[in-house]
Amino acid sequence: MRTVLSRRNVSVTASAVAVVAAVLVPQVSDTSKQTAPTAATTVATSTAKHDDFVVVGHRGASGYRPEHTLAAYELAARMGADFIEPDLVTTKDRVLVARHEPEIGGTTDVAAHPEFAARKKTKVLDGTPLTGWFTEDFTLQELKTLRAKERIPALRQQNTVFDGKYQVPTLQEVIDLTKRLSRELDRPIGIYPETKHPTYFQQQGLALEPTLVSTLNRNGLNRPNAKVFVQSFEVANLKALDKQLRVPLVQLTSSSGAPYDFVVSGDKRTYADVVSAKGLQEVATYADGVGPAKDQVIPLDSTGKLGTPTPLVRDAHRAGLVVHPYTFRVENTFLPVNLRSSAVPDDSGNLFAEIAAFRKAGIDGLFSDNADIALAAEAESK
């Protein structure tokens, strides 16, 4: 069991930031190869400081580059993000790579590779049939022949100019990138990895967790005060990781449904139960934070506007947990109706106002596709 991290004294590492005035273009990599009143301490990282509020580059700077690419991660860091978030799935040869889902038809050019046409199949992912190409059917060498593409081109057409430019990165490549950027930017860049669909991979004999633990160990990142959070939408794997990791764990939740490991085991509890006052007290026995969907913190009212905050932040803080909700995006389609700039879904709306409302509700950090705006909003709040 970890003994170095008190549930009521989570070390949330704050970094020094300067809001970037212009979007910097990172080099293309083509190698083969907060806080609750009782829940955080500030770590000085450079001569300049910001508060303990945590900004996570959601899948990198995915508002500006195809998600889960080294380019997206680098841009998020250069914009000032404290952490970058690789979602982790595995290859056939047990290498952790960064993709939002094991199915890669929507985020790579695999469909254009005739040599892989026969690998298209239908699988059941967390109880739902899904047709496409899956990372666990490829070796890393094969996966490296693919190139990333924009996942939502209808909303982010400007990102499609980068289609075909970047490989699918491994977790090790992401860690190596953060080490290089930490030196270049003179501040630590953290990682906030998520284990994706752990039960699904466990059922295939390709559990993610042993490789994650060994990778963190190998890189000296399984230690107190390492700039790492590990997150999951499931519960059992976090409880198991609590016995092996010395970094903070975060229980992700959703506004609907239940942890899939609960479903498989017959546990009738839902995510609503997890974020209840009682549920959060249980979360605090194995994790250090909670990562709720935005509407679990501030739901929309019947007209689609931001409503009244729920007790989630208060109850989480009472349990000693930090609260890092997801996902803050600038496009109108992702914003409450009163914060939209027009009826055009991909126009930019008032993300500043949305972030301000959530900060007022007491959150300790957030995940954003637009790290530059999140950092500018933080500076504006002072």
Protein backbone atom coordinates (compact mmCIF):
# COMPACT_ATOMS: atom_id res chain seq x y z
CA MET A 1 0.00 0.00 0.00
CA ARG A 2 1.12 3.54 -0.62
CA THR A 3 1.89 5.40 2.55
CA VAL A 4 3.59 8.49 1.17
CA LEU A 5 0.47 10.18 -0.18
CA SER A 6 -2.10 11.25 2.34
CA ARG A 7 -5.56 11.32 0.85
CA ARG A 8 -5.99 14.71 2.49
CA ASN A 9 -2.62 16.04 1.37
CA VAL A 10 -2.26 15.23 -2.30
CA SER A 11 0.81 16.77 -3.85
CA VAL A 12 -0.55 18.67 -6.83
CA THR A 13 2.45 20.02 -8.69
CA ALA A 14 1.92 23.51 -10.03
CA SER A 15 4.11 24.77 -12.83
CA ALA A 16 5.27 28.21 -13.86
CA VAL A 17 3.49 29.44 -16.95
CA ALA A 18 3.41 32.34 -19.32
CA VAL A 19 0.34 32.58 -21.50
CA VAL A 20 1.48 32.12 -25.07
CA ALA A 21 0.35 34.95 -27.31
CA ALA A 22 0.68 32.97 -30.52
CA VAL A 23 0.25 29.30 -31.35
CA LEU A 24 3.68 27.75 -31.80
CA VAL A 25 4.09 24.94 -34.31
CA PRO A 26 6.02 21.99 -32.86
CA GLN A 27 8.39 19.98 -34.98
CA VAL A 28 6.95 16.94 -36.71
CA SER A 29 8.16 13.78 -34.99
CA ASP A 30 8.48 10.86 -37.36
CA THR A 31 10.74 8.42 -35.53
CA SER A 32 10.30 4.76 -35.94
CA LYS A 33 11.18 3.99 -32.94
CA GLN A 34 -5.40 22.62 -5.94
CA THR A 35 -6.97 22.39 -4.84
CA ALA A 36 -9.21 21.57 -1.93
CA PRO A 37 -8.34 23.51 1.21
CA THR A 38 -6.80 20.34 2.65
CA ALA A 39 -5.77 18.60 -0.53
CA ALA A 40 -2.73 20.20 -2.13
CA THR A 41 0.71 21.61 -1.62
CA THR A 42 2.49 23.87 -4.06
CA VAL A 43 5.82 22.85 -5.52
CA ALA A 44 7.99 25.70 -6.81
CA THR A 45 9.16 24.96 -10.31
CA SER A 46 10.71 28.19 -11.55
CA THR A 47 11.08 31.84 -10.74
CA ALA A 48 7.54 32.60 -11.89
CA LYS A 49 4.53 30.94 -10.29
CA HIS A 50 0.86 30.45 -10.82
CA ASP A 51 -1.67 29.08 -8.40
CA ASP A 52 -2.34 25.42 -7.74
CA PHE A 53 -5.01 25.23 -10.43
CA VAL A 54 -4.13 22.36 -12.80
CA VAL A 55 -4.50 22.70 -16.57
CA VAL A 56 -4.36 19.42 -18.46
CA GLY A 57 -3.86 19.38 -22.22
CA HIS A 58 -6.71 17.01 -23.14
CA ARG A 59 -5.24 14.51 -25.61
CA GLY A 60 -2.66 17.25 -26.15
CA ALA A 61 -3.67 20.51 -27.80
CA SER A 62 -6.38 18.69 -29.69
CA GLY A 63 -8.18 21.91 -30.56
CA TYR A 64 -5.25 22.69 -32.88
CA ARG A 65 -3.61 19.39 -33.90
CA PRO A 66 -4.84 15.82 -34.42
CA GLU A 67 -5.26 14.34 -30.95
CA HIS A 68 -2.78 12.00 -29.26
CA THR A 69 0.17 12.96 -31.43
CA LEU A 70 3.53 14.21 -30.26
CA ALA A 71 2.74 17.47 -32.07
CA ALA A 72 -0.46 17.93 -30.06
CA TYR A 73 1.30 17.14 -26.79
CA GLU A 74 4.18 19.47 -27.53
CA LEU A 75 1.89 22.33 -28.47
CA ALA A 76 -0.12 21.93 -25.26
CA ALA A 77 3.07 22.07 -23.21
CA ARG A 78 4.34 25.13 -25.06
CA MET A 79 0.99 26.82 -24.46
CA GLY A 80 1.55 26.36 -20.74
CA ALA A 81 -0.31 23.17 -19.82
CA ASP A 82 0.83 21.62 -16.53
CA PHE A 83 0.10 18.09 -17.76
CA ILE A 84 -0.49 16.34 -21.06
CA GLU A 85 -2.94 13.45 -21.23
CA PRO A 86 -2.14 10.25 -23.12
CA ASP A 87 -5.01 7.77 -23.28
CA LEU A 88 -3.42 4.33 -23.22
CA VAL A 89 -4.25 1.24 -25.26
CA THR A 90 -1.97 -1.63 -26.24
CA THR A 91 -0.52 -3.27 -29.31
CA LYS A 92 -0.41 -6.99 -29.96
CA ASP A 93 3.15 -7.04 -28.68
CA ARG A 94 2.19 -5.29 -25.44
CA VAL A 95 3.46 -1.80 -26.11
CA LEU A 96 1.35 1.01 -24.68
CA VAL A 97 0.39 3.59 -27.28
CA ALA A 98 -1.68 6.77 -27.14
CA ARG A 99 -5.14 6.53 -28.73
CA HIS A 100 -8.53 7.51 -27.38
CA GLU A 101 -9.93 4.07 -28.17
CA PRO A 102 -8.51 0.74 -29.31
CA GLU A 103 -10.44 1.26 -32.57
CA ILE A 104 -8.27 3.41 -34.83
CA GLY A 105 -10.31 3.77 -38.02
CA GLY A 106 -11.42 7.25 -37.02
CA THR A 107 -8.04 8.62 -35.94
CA THR A 108 -5.56 7.07 -38.40
CA ASP A 109 -5.31 6.35 -42.12
CA VAL A 110 -5.52 2.58 -41.58
CA ALA A 111 -8.44 2.29 -44.02
CA ALA A 112 -6.13 3.48 -46.81
CA HIS A 113 -3.70 0.61 -46.18
CA PRO A 114 -4.80 -2.39 -48.30
CA GLU A 115 -2.35 -4.63 -46.46
CA PHE A 116 -4.52 -4.24 -43.35
CA ALA A 117 -7.95 -4.53 -45.00
CA ALA A 118 -8.49 -8.07 -43.68
CA ARG A 119 -8.00 -6.89 -40.10
CA LYS A 120 -11.20 -4.90 -40.08
CA LYS A 121 -13.61 -6.68 -37.77
CA THR A 122 -16.46 -6.23 -35.34
CA LYS A 123 -15.70 -6.53 -31.64
CA VAL A 124 -17.71 -5.91 -28.49
CA LEU A 125 -16.23 -2.95 -26.62
CA ASP A 126 -17.68 -2.54 -23.13
CA GLY A 127 -20.87 -4.28 -24.21
CA THR A 128 -21.32 -2.41 -27.51
CA PRO A 129 -20.51 -3.87 -30.95
CA LEU A 130 -17.94 -1.76 -32.80
CA THR A 131 -16.56 -2.32 -36.29
CA GLY A 132 -13.12 -1.16 -37.33
CA TRP A 133 -9.43 -1.77 -36.79
CA PHE A 134 -8.10 -2.38 -33.28
CA THR A 135 -4.65 -1.65 -31.88
CA GLU A 136 -4.34 -5.04 -30.24
CA ASP A 137 -4.39 -6.66 -33.69
CA PHE A 138 -1.24 -4.76 -34.75
CA THR A 139 2.36 -4.97 -33.69
CA LEU A 140 4.05 -1.69 -32.87
CA GLN A 141 6.07 -1.94 -36.08
CA GLU A 142 2.87 -2.24 -38.10
CA LEU A 143 1.15 0.55 -36.19
CA LYS A 144 4.08 2.85 -36.91
CA THR A 145 3.34 2.62 -40.64
CA LEU A 146 0.04 4.46 -40.04
CA ARG A 147 -0.44 8.19 -39.71
CA ALA A 148 -2.85 10.13 -37.51
CA LYS A 149 -5.77 12.17 -38.76
CA GLU A 150 -8.26 14.60 -37.21
CA ARG A 151 -11.06 12.79 -35.36
CA ILE A 152 -13.76 15.46 -35.85
CA PRO A 153 -12.95 17.11 -39.20
CA ALA A 154 -16.40 18.63 -39.59
CA LEU A 155 -15.77 20.78 -36.50
CA ARG A 156 -12.01 21.19 -36.78
CA GLN A 157 -11.37 21.43 -40.50
CA GLN A 158 -8.27 23.52 -39.82
CA ASN A 159 -6.68 20.52 -38.12
CA THR A 160 -7.01 18.34 -41.22
CA VAL A 161 -4.03 20.12 -42.81
CA PHE A 162 -1.94 18.00 -40.43
CA ASP A 163 -3.54 14.69 -41.45
CA GLY A 164 -0.90 12.18 -42.46
CA LYS A 165 1.96 14.01 -40.74
CA TYR A 166 2.28 12.24 -37.40
CA GLN A 167 2.71 8.70 -36.11
CA VAL A 168 0.87 7.01 -33.26
CA PRO A 169 3.19 7.62 -30.28
CA THR A 170 4.13 5.15 -27.59
CA LEU A 171 3.88 6.01 -23.91
CA GLN A 172 7.67 5.98 -23.76
CA GLU A 173 7.86 8.52 -26.57
CA VAL A 174 5.41 10.74 -24.70
CA ILE A 175 7.53 10.51 -21.56
CA ASP A 176 10.68 11.25 -23.55
CA LEU A 177 8.94 14.30 -25.02
CA THR A 178 8.01 15.63 -21.58
CA LYS A 179 11.60 15.20 -20.40
CA ARG A 180 12.90 17.19 -23.37
CA LEU A 181 10.27 19.90 -23.04
CA SER A 182 10.83 20.16 -19.29
CA ARG A 183 14.45 21.02 -20.03
CA GLU A 184 13.65 23.40 -22.87
CA LEU A 185 10.85 25.22 -21.05
CA ASP A 186 12.60 25.15 -17.66
CA ARG A 187 9.54 23.77 -15.89
CA PRO A 188 8.30 20.22 -15.34
CA ILE A 189 5.73 18.94 -17.81
CA GLY A 190 3.61 16.22 -16.25
CA ILE A 191 1.76 13.25 -17.69
CA TYR A 192 -1.83 12.32 -16.83
CA PRO A 193 -2.29 8.89 -18.46
CA GLU A 194 -5.63 7.12 -18.62
CA THR A 195 -6.02 3.36 -18.83
CA LYS A 196 -8.66 2.89 -21.52
CA HIS A 197 -11.15 0.03 -21.26
CA PRO A 198 -9.12 -1.99 -18.76
CA THR A 199 -11.64 -4.83 -18.47
CA TYR A 200 -11.75 -5.18 -22.27
CA PHE A 201 -7.99 -5.56 -22.46
CA GLN A 202 -7.84 -7.82 -19.41
CA GLN A 203 -10.35 -10.16 -21.07
CA GLN A 204 -7.97 -10.47 -24.04
CA GLY A 205 -4.98 -11.26 -21.87
CA LEU A 206 -3.46 -7.85 -22.60
CA ALA A 207 -3.87 -6.03 -19.30
CA LEU A 208 -2.60 -2.46 -19.48
CA GLU A 209 -1.62 -2.00 -15.86
CA PRO A 210 1.54 -4.16 -15.59
CA THR A 211 3.14 -2.36 -18.53
CA LEU A 212 2.09 1.04 -17.18
CA VAL A 213 3.62 0.29 -13.79
CA SER A 214 6.84 -1.03 -15.30
CA THR A 215 7.13 1.99 -17.61
CA LEU A 216 6.69 4.43 -14.74
CA ASN A 217 9.21 2.47 -12.69
CA ARG A 218 11.73 2.39 -15.51
CA ASN A 219 11.48 6.16 -15.95
CA GLY A 220 11.73 6.98 -12.25
CA LEU A 221 8.15 8.24 -12.19
CA ASN A 222 6.67 5.89 -9.61
CA ARG A 223 7.58 8.04 -6.64
CA PRO A 224 6.08 10.69 -4.39
CA ASN A 225 5.96 14.13 -6.03
CA ALA A 226 6.51 12.79 -9.53
CA LYS A 227 4.46 14.92 -11.89
CA VAL A 228 2.05 12.11 -12.72
CA PHE A 229 -1.62 11.38 -12.22
CA VAL A 230 -3.11 8.03 -13.32
CA GLN A 231 -6.82 7.92 -14.15
CA SER A 232 -9.48 5.40 -15.11
CA PHE A 233 -13.24 5.17 -15.64
CA GLU A 234 -13.16 1.76 -13.96
CA VAL A 235 -12.68 1.07 -10.26
CA ALA A 236 -11.09 -2.35 -9.74
CA ASN A 237 -7.95 -1.47 -11.67
CA LEU A 238 -7.46 1.73 -9.68
CA LYS A 239 -7.79 -0.24 -6.45
CA ALA A 240 -5.14 -2.65 -7.72
CA LEU A 241 -2.88 0.20 -8.85
CA ASP A 242 -3.22 1.78 -5.40
CA LYS A 243 -1.09 -1.09 -4.11
CA GLN A 244 1.60 -0.56 -6.76
CA LEU A 245 1.85 3.15 -7.51
CA ARG A 246 3.04 6.03 -5.35
CA VAL A 247 1.52 8.73 -7.57
CA PRO A 248 -2.00 10.17 -7.26
CA LEU A 249 -4.88 8.20 -8.76
CA VAL A 250 -8.02 9.79 -10.18
CA GLN A 251 -11.43 8.17 -10.50
CA LEU A 252 -13.09 9.28 -13.73
CA THR A 253 -16.87 9.41 -13.86
CA SER A 254 -19.55 10.05 -16.43
CA SER A 255 -22.94 11.72 -16.34
CA SER A 256 -24.55 8.43 -17.38
CA GLY A 257 -23.89 4.72 -17.10
CA ALA A 258 -21.63 2.81 -14.73
CA PRO A 259 -18.02 1.63 -14.50
CA TYR A 260 -17.79 -1.31 -16.88
CA ASP A 261 -16.11 -3.49 -14.29
CA PHE A 262 -19.22 -2.93 -12.13
CA VAL A 263 -21.40 -4.06 -15.03
CA VAL A 264 -19.34 -7.21 -15.58
CA SER A 265 -19.29 -8.11 -11.89
CA GLY A 266 -23.01 -7.48 -11.41
CA ASP A 267 -22.50 -4.46 -9.16
CA LYS A 268 -25.62 -2.32 -9.63
CA ARG A 269 -23.99 0.98 -8.68
CA THR A 270 -23.73 3.70 -11.29
CA TYR A 271 -21.50 6.74 -11.76
CA ALA A 272 -24.20 8.72 -9.98
CA ASP A 273 -23.58 6.53 -6.94
CA VAL A 274 -19.82 7.01 -7.26
CA VAL A 275 -20.13 10.82 -7.06
CA SER A 276 -22.60 10.79 -4.17
CA ALA A 277 -21.23 11.94 -0.82
CA LYS A 278 -20.99 8.32 0.33
CA GLY A 279 -19.48 7.20 -2.95
CA LEU A 280 -16.78 9.87 -2.85
CA GLN A 281 -15.82 8.81 0.65
CA GLU A 282 -15.20 5.34 -0.77
CA VAL A 283 -13.25 6.77 -3.72
CA ALA A 284 -10.97 8.48 -1.20
CA THR A 285 -9.91 5.07 0.14
CA TYR A 286 -8.08 4.23 -3.08
CA ALA A 287 -7.76 7.46 -5.10
CA ASP A 288 -6.70 11.05 -4.65
CA GLY A 289 -9.03 12.83 -7.03
CA VAL A 290 -12.15 12.60 -9.12
CA GLY A 291 -12.48 13.53 -12.79
CA PRO A 292 -16.18 14.13 -13.45
CA ALA A 293 -17.95 15.11 -16.64
CA LYS A 294 -18.63 18.85 -16.66
CA ASP A 295 -22.36 18.46 -16.21
CA GLN A 296 -21.83 16.49 -13.02
CA VAL A 297 -20.38 19.69 -11.55
CA ILE A 298 -22.70 22.23 -13.19
CA PRO A 299 -25.57 20.68 -15.14
CA LEU A 300 -27.39 22.48 -17.93
CA ASP A 301 -30.89 23.71 -17.20
CA SER A 302 -33.94 22.95 -19.34
CA THR A 303 -32.97 25.70 -21.79
CA GLY A 304 -29.42 24.47 -22.28
CA LYS A 305 -27.82 27.15 -20.13
CA LEU A 306 -25.48 26.53 -17.20
CA GLY A 307 -27.55 25.69 -14.15
CA THR A 308 -26.79 25.49 -10.44
CA PRO A 309 -23.68 23.65 -9.20
CA THR A 310 -24.25 20.24 -7.67
CA PRO A 311 -22.74 19.23 -4.28
CA LEU A 312 -20.01 17.23 -6.05
CA VAL A 313 -17.12 19.65 -5.49
CA ARG A 314 -18.07 20.24 -1.86
CA ASP A 315 -18.47 16.52 -1.17
CA ALA A 316 -15.23 15.64 -2.94
CA HIS A 317 -13.28 18.24 -0.98
CA ARG A 318 -14.76 16.97 2.26
CA ALA A 319 -13.48 13.53 1.30
CA GLY A 320 -10.02 14.98 0.61
CA LEU A 321 -10.24 14.62 -3.17
CA VAL A 322 -9.23 17.11 -5.84
CA VAL A 323 -11.70 17.72 -8.69
CA HIS A 324 -10.54 17.90 -12.33
CA PRO A 325 -13.58 17.91 -14.67
CA TYR A 326 -13.55 17.33 -18.44
CA THR A 327 -13.70 18.57 -21.22
CA PHE A 328 -13.51 22.33 -21.85
CA ARG A 329 -13.62 23.16 -25.57
CA VAL A 330 -14.02 26.44 -27.39
CA GLU A 331 -16.39 25.41 -30.20
CA ASN A 332 -20.04 26.44 -29.85
CA THR A 333 -21.28 22.86 -30.06
CA PHE A 334 -19.52 22.03 -26.78
CA LEU A 335 -20.69 25.13 -24.87
CA PRO A 336 -23.90 26.03 -23.03
CA VAL A 337 -26.32 27.82 -25.36
CA ASN A 338 -25.91 31.17 -23.59
CA LEU A 339 -22.15 31.08 -24.16
CA ARG A 340 -22.30 30.36 -27.88
CA SER A 341 -21.30 33.09 -30.30
CA SER A 342 -23.58 31.99 -33.14
CA ALA A 343 -25.63 29.11 -34.48
CA VAL A 344 -22.56 27.77 -36.32
CA PRO A 345 -21.34 24.68 -34.43
CA ASP A 346 -17.63 25.15 -35.15
CA ASP A 347 -17.48 28.87 -34.39
CA SER A 348 -15.64 29.80 -31.20
CA GLY A 349 -17.80 30.67 -28.21
CA ASN A 350 -17.15 32.12 -24.77
CA LEU A 351 -15.00 29.45 -23.16
CA PHE A 352 -13.63 32.10 -20.78
CA ALA A 353 -17.06 32.50 -19.18
CA GLU A 354 -17.58 28.75 -18.84
CA ILE A 355 -14.22 28.26 -17.14
CA ALA A 356 -14.92 31.20 -14.82
CA ALA A 357 -18.21 29.60 -13.72
CA PHE A 358 -16.51 26.30 -12.95
CA ARG A 359 -13.67 27.96 -11.09
CA LYS A 360 -16.26 29.78 -8.99
CA ALA A 361 -17.77 26.35 -8.24
CA GLY A 362 -14.44 25.38 -6.67
CA ILE A 363 -12.82 22.96 -9.10
CA ASP A 364 -9.09 22.33 -8.70
CA GLY A 365 -8.20 21.94 -12.35
CA LEU A 366 -9.62 20.99 -15.72
CA PHE A 367 -9.04 19.16 -18.97
CA SER A 368 -9.12 21.35 -22.07
CA ASP A 369 -8.53 20.94 -25.78
CA ASN A 370 -7.52 24.61 -25.72
CA ALA A 371 -4.77 24.94 -23.12
CA ASP A 372 -3.95 28.46 -24.24
CA ILE A 373 -7.45 29.68 -23.43
CA ALA A 374 -7.51 27.79 -20.12
CA LEU A 375 -4.24 29.46 -19.11
CA ALA A 376 -5.43 32.87 -20.24
CA ALA A 377 -8.61 32.36 -18.22
CA GLU A 378 -6.48 31.48 -15.20
CA ALA A 379 -4.44 34.66 -15.58
CA GLU A 380 -7.62 36.68 -16.00
CA SER A 381 -9.02 35.26 -12.75
CA LYS A 382 -6.29 36.87 -10.63
